[in-house]
Amino acid sequence: MKILYTNFHLGDGGGHTTYVTSLARALGARADVTVAAPRGSRLLDEAAALPGVRTVALQFKGAPARQWRTLRQLRALLRAEAFDVVHVNGSADHRLCMLAAAGLGPLRPFMVYTQHNGRHPRSLGARLRAALATDRVICVSQHTYEGMGRSAFRPQDLRLVRNGVDTAHYRPAAPDEAARAREALLPPTLRDRLVVGSHAGTASYKNWLDMVAAVALLPPDQRGQIAVLIAGLPPAAADLRRVEALGMAGAVVFTGLLRDVRPLLAAMDVGFVLSSRLETISFACREMMAAGKPVIVSDTGGLAENVTEGGNGWIVPVSAPPRVAETLAEILENRILLDWMAAAARRRAVRDFSLEAFVRETERIYDEAGPLRAPRLRYKLMSAGVLVSTAVQNSAACLG
C-alpha cells in the first residue's frame, strides 16, 4: 500500500506531529510511506529520520503564489506516485489535496481526514471538502465523533479511533531516574516539593495559567509544598507578568520545547491538562498516564475519557482555579495515595491507550479503500503498458 501523510504546521506541530510520526514509524516497514510537510517543521525533520519513510517539503499555507506552487507540486506527486491513501490532518492540507486530486479519475487516492480539534466544521469550505475529497473521517475521541455527526461531514464516513501511545517508550521511571530528572530540571529549592507538570503546551487555550492561579489560591503552608513544571514554547510576556503578579515566579519552571519529554515526566508527581477549547483526547495526557502519573484534566472535549475520577486522576470544570486548588489540597492531604493512583494510571494506559491498537484500527480504515484499488491497479498496469509500447515504437523509429 502506498500512503501519503500531509500536515500544514510550520513549527513544532504538537499532537499532529506525534500522530503522523507514530503511524509513519509503525507502517514504514510494511507500506510505502511518504510524509509531506513544510520545510523546517518538526514533522518533516522527524519523518526524514524514520527508516523506510520518504519526505517531501510542501508549504500548505502562505501567499496565493506559494499555495499555487504547492498545488502544482502536489498534483505532480499524486500523478507520479498514484497513492492508494492520502491521509490529511488539517483543513489547509486537506483543501490543497482536494484541488490537486480533482480530475485524476482512477488515480484519485482514498482520502482520509483526521479531526484533531474540538471544532465541528460546517463552513462552505468544509462542505466542499466533505463532498469532494473525503472518503473517511477519523475522530480521535467519542466527544469528537459525536460532534462531527453534526458537522458538514457525512455520518456514514465517520470512524472512531482513539490516539495511542508507545507504552514501552513512556513508562514509569525508576527512583534514580526521577532523582536525576529533578536535578536537571528543577532548582534545589523545588526538588522536594510535589511537582505538578505538563507538556501539553503553553498556548492560551491550554489554560496552564489556571494551574498557577490554583496554587496561588492555597494557604501559604500548602502553596510552599508545590512546584509547577511546564514544557512548551516560551510563554508570552503578558503571561509571565501574570505569574509574577500571582507571586508564583519562584515556584514555576519553564523548560522550553523538549524533543524528549521523558525526563519531564520522570520529574513530576502529578500531570495536568486544563484546556478550555479545541481539545480532543490529548497525546500529552496519555503519555503522562503511561509514565505512571495521575492527571488533573478539565472536562473539555474528550479529556475526561482518559480519566476515572479519583482512581487514576481528577476531572475539574473548565477555567475553575478554585476547584483545581481544592483538588491540590486533597492531593497534599493524601499523598500516600499517589503511588496507588500512579499504578492505576499506568494500568489504564497499557490496557486502553495501546499504540498497536491505534495503528491496527487506522490500517483497518485504509483497508476500506480495497474495492477502489483493483480498478486503480488495472489502470496503472495499462498506463505502464502504453508507456512501454510507446518506448519500443520510438526506439524502433530511431533505429530505422
Protein backbone atom coordinates (compact mmCIF):
# COMPACT_ATOMS: atom_id res chain seq x y z
CA MET A 1 0.00 0.00 0.00
CA LYS A 2 1.23 3.50 -0.84
CA ILE A 3 0.33 6.12 1.76
CA LEU A 4 0.86 9.88 1.75
CA TYR A 5 0.57 11.73 5.07
CA THR A 6 0.19 15.52 4.96
CA ASN A 7 0.26 18.21 7.63
CA PHE A 8 0.39 22.00 7.39
CA HIS A 9 2.15 23.03 10.66
CA LEU A 10 5.28 25.09 10.17
CA GLY A 11 6.90 24.57 13.57
CA ASP A 12 6.51 22.04 16.35
CA GLY A 13 3.09 20.74 15.30
CA GLY A 14 2.28 19.31 18.74
CA GLY A 15 -0.11 16.38 18.65
CA HIS A 16 -0.32 16.46 14.84
CA THR A 17 3.40 15.65 14.65
CA THR A 18 3.08 12.87 17.23
CA TYR A 19 0.10 11.43 15.35
CA VAL A 20 1.74 11.30 11.92
CA THR A 21 5.16 10.12 13.11
CA SER A 22 3.54 7.35 15.19
CA LEU A 23 1.72 5.99 12.14
CA ALA A 24 4.64 6.50 9.75
CA ARG A 25 7.08 4.78 12.12
CA ALA A 26 4.77 1.80 12.61
CA LEU A 27 3.77 1.38 8.95
CA GLY A 28 7.07 2.29 7.27
CA ALA A 29 8.28 -1.32 7.39
CA ARG A 30 5.26 -2.79 5.59
CA ALA A 31 3.94 0.04 3.43
CA ASP A 32 5.34 2.64 1.04
CA VAL A 33 5.05 5.76 3.23
CA THR A 34 5.63 9.38 2.25
CA VAL A 35 5.23 12.39 4.55
CA ALA A 36 4.62 15.88 3.15
CA ALA A 37 5.04 18.86 5.48
CA PRO A 38 6.62 22.33 5.46
CA ARG A 39 10.40 22.61 5.26
CA GLY A 40 11.89 23.12 8.73
CA SER A 41 8.88 21.67 10.54
CA ARG A 42 9.48 19.16 13.32
CA LEU A 43 7.33 16.66 11.46
CA LEU A 44 9.45 16.76 8.29
CA ASP A 45 12.69 16.51 10.30
CA GLU A 46 11.47 13.58 12.40
CA ALA A 47 9.90 11.77 9.46
CA ALA A 48 13.15 12.07 7.48
CA ALA A 49 14.91 10.10 10.22
CA LEU A 50 12.42 7.21 10.10
CA PRO A 51 13.60 4.11 8.22
CA GLY A 52 11.62 3.38 5.06
CA VAL A 53 9.83 6.76 5.07
CA ARG A 54 10.24 9.33 2.30
CA THR A 55 9.64 13.04 2.82
CA VAL A 56 8.54 15.90 0.59
CA ALA A 57 8.78 19.56 1.63
CA LEU A 58 5.46 21.29 0.85
CA GLN A 59 4.17 24.62 2.18
CA PHE A 60 0.41 24.20 2.60
CA LYS A 61 -0.18 27.73 3.90
CA GLY A 62 1.01 31.14 2.72
CA ALA A 63 0.51 33.67 -0.02
CA PRO A 64 -1.58 32.65 -3.06
CA ALA A 65 1.54 32.32 -5.25
CA ARG A 66 3.14 29.92 -2.76
CA GLN A 67 -0.05 27.86 -2.49
CA TRP A 68 -0.28 27.72 -6.28
CA ARG A 69 3.26 26.32 -6.46
CA THR A 70 2.40 23.79 -3.75
CA LEU A 71 -0.73 22.79 -5.62
CA ARG A 72 1.25 22.11 -8.80
CA GLN A 73 3.87 20.13 -6.87
CA LEU A 74 1.21 18.15 -5.06
CA ARG A 75 -0.69 17.35 -8.24
CA ALA A 76 2.50 16.13 -9.91
CA LEU A 77 3.26 14.00 -6.83
CA LEU A 78 -0.21 12.40 -6.88
CA ARG A 79 0.11 11.65 -10.59
CA ALA A 80 3.62 10.23 -10.32
CA GLU A 81 3.09 8.11 -7.21
CA ALA A 82 -0.58 7.03 -7.57
CA PHE A 83 -1.01 6.73 -3.80
CA ASP A 84 -3.63 4.32 -2.52
CA VAL A 85 -4.33 6.51 0.53
CA VAL A 86 -3.80 10.19 1.24
CA HIS A 87 -4.23 10.88 4.94
CA VAL A 88 -4.69 14.61 5.63
CA ASN A 89 -4.56 16.23 9.06
CA GLY A 90 -5.86 19.79 8.78
CA SER A 91 -8.09 21.99 6.66
CA ALA A 92 -5.16 23.68 4.84
CA ASP A 93 -3.56 20.47 3.57
CA HIS A 94 -6.97 18.87 3.02
CA ARG A 95 -8.04 21.77 0.78
CA LEU A 96 -4.93 21.59 -1.41
CA CYS A 97 -5.14 17.81 -1.64
CA MET A 98 -8.77 18.19 -2.76
CA LEU A 99 -7.75 20.59 -5.53
CA ALA A 100 -4.73 18.50 -6.53
CA ALA A 101 -6.79 15.31 -6.82
CA ALA A 102 -9.55 16.92 -8.92
CA GLY A 103 -9.90 15.22 -12.27
CA LEU A 104 -7.41 12.42 -11.53
CA GLY A 105 -10.05 9.77 -12.24
CA PRO A 106 -8.73 6.28 -11.42
CA LEU A 107 -5.60 7.83 -9.92
CA ARG A 108 -7.64 9.63 -7.25
CA PRO A 109 -6.49 8.27 -3.87
CA PHE A 110 -8.69 7.16 -0.99
CA MET A 111 -8.86 10.31 1.15
CA VAL A 112 -8.77 10.01 4.95
CA TYR A 113 -9.12 13.10 7.15
CA THR A 114 -8.39 13.16 10.89
CA GLN A 115 -10.23 15.71 13.02
CA HIS A 116 -7.61 16.82 15.55
CA ASN A 117 -9.56 19.54 17.35
CA GLY A 118 -12.91 20.05 19.03
CA ARG A 119 -14.47 22.06 16.21
CA HIS A 120 -17.38 20.65 14.22
CA PRO A 121 -16.92 22.43 10.86
CA ARG A 122 -19.96 23.44 8.82
CA SER A 123 -18.45 26.16 6.59
CA LEU A 124 -18.70 26.18 2.80
CA GLY A 125 -15.08 25.02 2.62
CA ALA A 126 -15.80 22.11 4.95
CA ARG A 127 -18.85 21.14 2.88
CA LEU A 128 -16.74 21.13 -0.29
CA ARG A 129 -14.00 19.06 1.33
CA ALA A 130 -16.58 16.63 2.74
CA ALA A 131 -18.30 16.19 -0.63
CA LEU A 132 -15.29 16.16 -2.96
CA ALA A 133 -12.27 14.88 -1.04
CA THR A 134 -13.28 12.80 1.97
CA ASP A 135 -13.84 9.06 2.00
CA ARG A 136 -13.38 8.56 5.74
CA VAL A 137 -13.07 10.84 8.80
CA ILE A 138 -11.12 9.63 11.83
CA CYS A 139 -12.43 11.02 15.12
CA VAL A 140 -9.91 10.65 17.96
CA SER A 141 -12.39 10.79 20.85
CA GLN A 142 -16.03 9.94 21.50
CA HIS A 143 -16.71 13.63 22.02
CA THR A 144 -15.26 14.40 18.58
CA TYR A 145 -17.20 11.55 16.98
CA GLU A 146 -20.50 12.83 18.36
CA GLY A 147 -19.73 16.42 17.38
CA MET A 148 -18.66 15.52 13.85
CA GLY A 149 -22.03 13.86 13.41
CA ARG A 150 -23.44 17.40 13.43
CA SER A 151 -20.79 18.76 11.04
CA ALA A 152 -20.63 19.07 7.25
CA PHE A 153 -19.11 15.60 7.01
CA ARG A 154 -21.25 12.55 6.26
CA PRO A 155 -22.07 10.47 9.36
CA GLN A 156 -21.50 7.26 7.40
CA ASP A 157 -17.88 8.29 6.78
CA LEU A 158 -17.03 8.78 10.47
CA ARG A 159 -14.81 6.29 12.30
CA LEU A 160 -13.74 6.41 15.96
CA VAL A 161 -10.03 5.65 16.51
CA ARG A 162 -8.62 6.98 19.76
CA ASN A 163 -4.96 8.02 19.73
CA GLY A 164 -2.48 5.52 21.11
CA VAL A 165 0.93 5.99 22.70
CA ASP A 166 4.01 3.82 22.96
CA THR A 167 3.67 2.49 26.50
CA ALA A 168 7.11 0.87 26.31
CA HIS A 169 8.70 4.24 25.46
CA TYR A 170 6.60 6.15 28.02
CA ARG A 171 6.95 4.13 31.18
CA PRO A 172 7.31 4.79 34.92
CA ALA A 173 10.80 5.99 35.82
CA ALA A 174 12.97 4.23 38.36
CA PRO A 175 13.66 6.25 41.55
CA ASP A 176 17.20 7.12 40.44
CA GLU A 177 15.91 8.31 37.04
CA ALA A 178 13.36 10.51 38.75
CA ALA A 179 16.01 11.98 41.05
CA ARG A 180 18.33 12.77 38.13
CA ALA A 181 15.45 14.36 36.21
CA ARG A 182 14.61 16.63 39.14
CA GLU A 183 18.24 17.67 39.48
CA ALA A 184 18.37 18.50 35.77
CA LEU A 185 15.07 20.42 35.52
CA LEU A 186 14.43 21.97 38.94
CA PRO A 187 16.40 24.31 41.20
CA PRO A 188 17.39 22.80 44.56
CA THR A 189 14.67 24.74 46.41
CA LEU A 190 11.90 22.95 44.47
CA ARG A 191 13.17 19.38 44.24
CA ASP A 192 11.46 18.13 47.41
CA ARG A 193 8.06 19.62 46.56
CA LEU A 194 5.04 17.97 44.99
CA VAL A 195 5.76 18.59 41.29
CA VAL A 196 2.70 19.22 39.14
CA GLY A 197 3.69 19.22 35.48
CA SER A 198 2.51 19.36 31.90
CA HIS A 199 3.89 19.16 28.37
CA ALA A 200 0.52 19.92 26.74
CA GLY A 201 1.91 23.28 25.63
CA THR A 202 1.70 26.95 26.55
CA ALA A 203 -0.95 28.15 24.08
CA SER A 204 -3.60 30.28 25.76
CA TYR A 205 -6.37 27.69 25.34
CA LYS A 206 -4.27 25.13 27.20
CA ASN A 207 -5.02 27.18 30.34
CA TRP A 208 -1.76 26.35 32.10
CA LEU A 209 -2.14 29.64 33.99
CA ASP A 210 -5.16 28.11 35.74
CA MET A 211 -2.80 25.72 37.50
CA VAL A 212 -0.52 28.58 38.56
CA ALA A 213 -3.53 30.55 39.80
CA ALA A 214 -4.84 27.48 41.67
CA VAL A 215 -1.57 27.02 43.55
CA ALA A 216 -1.58 30.74 44.40
CA LEU A 217 -5.04 30.32 45.99
CA LEU A 218 -3.75 27.78 48.52
CA PRO A 219 -2.81 28.79 52.07
CA PRO A 220 0.92 29.67 52.34
CA ASP A 221 1.87 26.41 54.03
CA GLN A 222 0.30 24.34 51.23
CA ARG A 223 1.46 26.68 48.46
CA GLY A 224 5.04 26.18 49.62
CA GLN A 225 4.73 22.44 49.07
CA ILE A 226 4.04 22.62 45.31
CA ALA A 227 6.16 23.35 42.23
CA VAL A 228 4.77 23.73 38.72
CA LEU A 229 6.83 22.37 35.80
CA ILE A 230 5.80 23.23 32.22
CA ALA A 231 7.26 22.29 28.82
CA GLY A 232 6.42 24.10 25.60
CA LEU A 233 7.13 27.27 23.68
CA PRO A 234 8.23 30.21 25.87
CA PRO A 235 5.12 31.89 27.34
CA ALA A 236 4.02 35.33 26.20
CA ALA A 237 5.33 38.30 28.18
CA ALA A 238 1.83 39.05 29.47
CA ASP A 239 1.54 35.51 30.83
CA LEU A 240 4.88 35.81 32.61
CA ARG A 241 3.72 39.09 34.17
CA ARG A 242 0.62 37.26 35.38
CA VAL A 243 2.81 34.60 37.02
CA GLU A 244 4.74 37.41 38.74
CA ALA A 245 1.54 39.11 39.88
CA LEU A 246 0.33 35.87 41.44
CA GLY A 247 3.56 35.69 43.46
CA MET A 248 4.43 32.38 41.78
CA ALA A 249 7.59 33.22 39.81
CA GLY A 250 9.81 31.25 42.18
CA ALA A 251 7.60 28.14 42.06
CA VAL A 252 7.08 27.81 38.28
CA VAL A 253 9.72 26.37 35.95
CA PHE A 254 9.51 26.55 32.14
CA THR A 255 11.72 24.06 30.31
CA GLY A 256 11.05 25.26 26.74
CA LEU A 257 10.29 22.76 23.99
CA LEU A 258 11.66 19.28 24.67
CA ARG A 259 12.39 16.73 21.94
CA ASP A 260 12.25 14.02 24.60
CA VAL A 261 9.69 14.66 27.36
CA ARG A 262 10.54 11.56 29.41
CA PRO A 263 12.81 13.44 31.85
CA LEU A 264 9.95 15.90 32.45
CA LEU A 265 7.55 13.01 33.08
CA ALA A 266 10.05 11.41 35.46
CA ALA A 267 10.43 14.65 37.41
CA MET A 268 6.71 15.22 38.02
CA ASP A 269 4.36 13.62 40.55
CA VAL A 270 1.05 14.69 39.01
CA GLY A 271 0.25 15.77 35.45
CA PHE A 272 -2.34 18.26 34.23
CA VAL A 273 -4.14 19.27 31.03
CA LEU A 274 -6.63 22.09 31.71
CA SER A 275 -7.60 23.09 28.17
CA SER A 276 -10.65 25.29 27.64
CA ARG A 277 -11.34 24.52 23.96
CA LEU A 278 -10.17 22.64 20.84
CA GLU A 279 -9.02 19.64 22.87
CA THR A 280 -9.82 16.12 21.70
CA ILE A 281 -8.10 13.26 23.57
CA SER A 282 -4.59 14.71 24.27
CA PHE A 283 -1.45 12.73 23.50
CA ALA A 284 0.20 14.56 26.41
CA CYS A 285 -2.38 13.27 28.87
CA ARG A 286 -1.98 9.71 27.63
CA GLU A 287 1.83 9.91 27.74
CA MET A 288 1.69 11.16 31.34
CA MET A 289 -0.55 8.27 32.34
CA ALA A 290 1.65 5.75 30.51
CA ALA A 291 4.55 7.13 32.56
CA GLY A 292 2.57 6.38 35.72
CA LYS A 293 1.34 9.88 36.53
CA PRO A 294 -2.22 10.54 37.69
CA VAL A 295 -3.57 13.53 35.77
CA ILE A 296 -5.82 16.51 36.56
CA VAL A 297 -7.92 17.23 33.46
CA SER A 298 -10.64 19.73 32.59
CA ASP A 299 -13.95 18.46 31.28
CA THR A 300 -13.21 19.84 27.80
CA GLY A 301 -13.57 17.75 24.64
CA GLY A 302 -12.52 14.16 25.17
CA LEU A 303 -10.10 14.78 28.05
CA ALA A 304 -12.39 13.20 30.63
CA GLU A 305 -12.44 10.00 28.55
CA ASN A 306 -8.88 9.34 29.73
CA VAL A 307 -9.52 9.50 33.46
CA THR A 308 -11.51 7.70 36.13
CA GLU A 309 -12.25 10.34 38.78
CA GLY A 310 -10.40 9.55 42.00
CA GLY A 311 -8.93 6.37 40.53
CA ASN A 312 -6.19 7.45 38.12
CA GLY A 313 -6.82 11.19 38.04
CA TRP A 314 -9.22 14.04 38.66
CA ILE A 315 -11.74 15.88 36.47
CA VAL A 316 -12.37 19.59 37.09
CA PRO A 317 -14.59 22.18 35.37
CA VAL A 318 -13.10 24.40 32.68
CA SER A 319 -11.50 27.66 33.84
CA ALA A 320 -12.06 26.93 37.52
CA PRO A 321 -8.84 27.57 39.52
CA PRO A 322 -10.71 27.29 42.86
CA ARG A 323 -11.72 23.72 42.00
CA VAL A 324 -8.18 22.92 40.92
CA ALA A 325 -6.96 24.36 44.25
CA GLU A 326 -9.37 22.08 46.13
CA THR A 327 -8.00 19.10 44.21
CA LEU A 328 -4.41 20.08 45.00
CA ALA A 329 -5.28 20.42 48.69
CA GLU A 330 -6.80 16.91 48.66
CA ILE A 331 -3.66 15.54 47.00
CA LEU A 332 -1.42 17.15 49.61
CA GLU A 333 -3.52 15.69 52.40
CA ASN A 334 -3.46 12.21 50.84
CA ARG A 335 -0.04 11.96 49.19
CA ILE A 336 0.17 8.36 50.38
CA LEU A 337 -2.42 7.52 47.70
CA LEU A 338 -0.32 8.85 44.84
CA ASP A 339 1.66 5.64 44.36
CA TRP A 340 -1.57 3.66 44.10
CA MET A 341 -3.06 6.17 41.64
CA ALA A 342 0.17 6.20 39.61
CA ALA A 343 -0.02 2.43 39.20
CA ALA A 344 -3.70 2.74 38.21
CA ALA A 345 -2.82 5.36 35.57
CA ARG A 346 -0.17 3.06 34.12
CA ARG A 347 -2.56 0.08 34.05
CA ARG A 348 -5.19 2.17 32.24
CA ALA A 349 -2.65 3.30 29.65
CA VAL A 350 -1.37 -0.20 28.95
CA ARG A 351 -4.91 -1.56 28.69
CA ASP A 352 -6.61 1.23 26.71
CA PHE A 353 -4.00 3.52 25.10
CA SER A 354 -2.16 0.89 23.06
CA LEU A 355 -0.14 2.15 20.10
CA GLU A 356 -0.61 -1.22 18.43
CA ALA A 357 -4.41 -0.95 18.60
CA PHE A 358 -4.27 2.64 17.32
CA VAL A 359 -2.20 1.60 14.28
CA ARG A 360 -4.25 -1.54 13.65
CA GLU A 361 -7.57 0.31 13.70
CA THR A 362 -6.19 3.04 11.43
CA GLU A 363 -4.96 0.40 8.97
CA ARG A 364 -8.41 -1.14 9.02
CA ILE A 365 -9.78 2.16 7.74
CA TYR A 366 -7.18 2.23 4.97
CA ASP A 367 -8.31 -1.27 4.01
CA GLU A 368 -11.76 0.13 3.32
CA ALA A 369 -10.16 1.51 0.16
CA GLY A 370 -9.85 -2.09 -1.08
CA PRO A 371 -12.72 -2.04 -3.60
CA LEU A 372 -11.19 1.08 -5.20
CA ARG A 373 -7.69 -0.36 -5.53
CA ALA A 374 -8.36 -3.08 -8.11
CA PRO A 375 -9.52 -0.73 -10.89
CA ARG A 376 -6.74 1.69 -9.99
CA LEU A 377 -4.16 -1.10 -10.26
CA ARG A 378 -5.53 -2.14 -13.65
CA TYR A 379 -5.30 1.50 -14.76
CA LYS A 380 -1.68 1.73 -13.62
CA LEU A 381 -0.77 -1.50 -15.41
CA MET A 382 -2.47 -0.32 -18.59
CA SER A 383 -0.64 3.01 -18.33
CA ALA A 384 2.66 1.20 -17.87
CA GLY A 385 1.87 -0.95 -20.91
CA VAL A 386 1.20 2.12 -23.04
CA LEU A 387 4.47 3.70 -21.90
CA VAL A 388 6.46 0.54 -22.71
CA SER A 389 4.76 0.20 -26.10
CA THR A 390 5.47 3.85 -26.92
CA ALA A 391 9.10 3.47 -25.86
CA VAL A 392 9.53 0.42 -28.10
CA GLN A 393 7.94 2.22 -31.06
CA ASN A 394 10.15 5.28 -30.52
CA SER A 395 13.25 3.11 -30.31
CA ALA A 396 12.30 1.28 -33.49
CA ALA A 397 11.74 4.59 -35.27
CA CYS A 398 15.13 5.85 -34.16
CA LEU A 399 16.87 2.67 -35.34
CA GLY A 400 15.02 2.77 -38.63
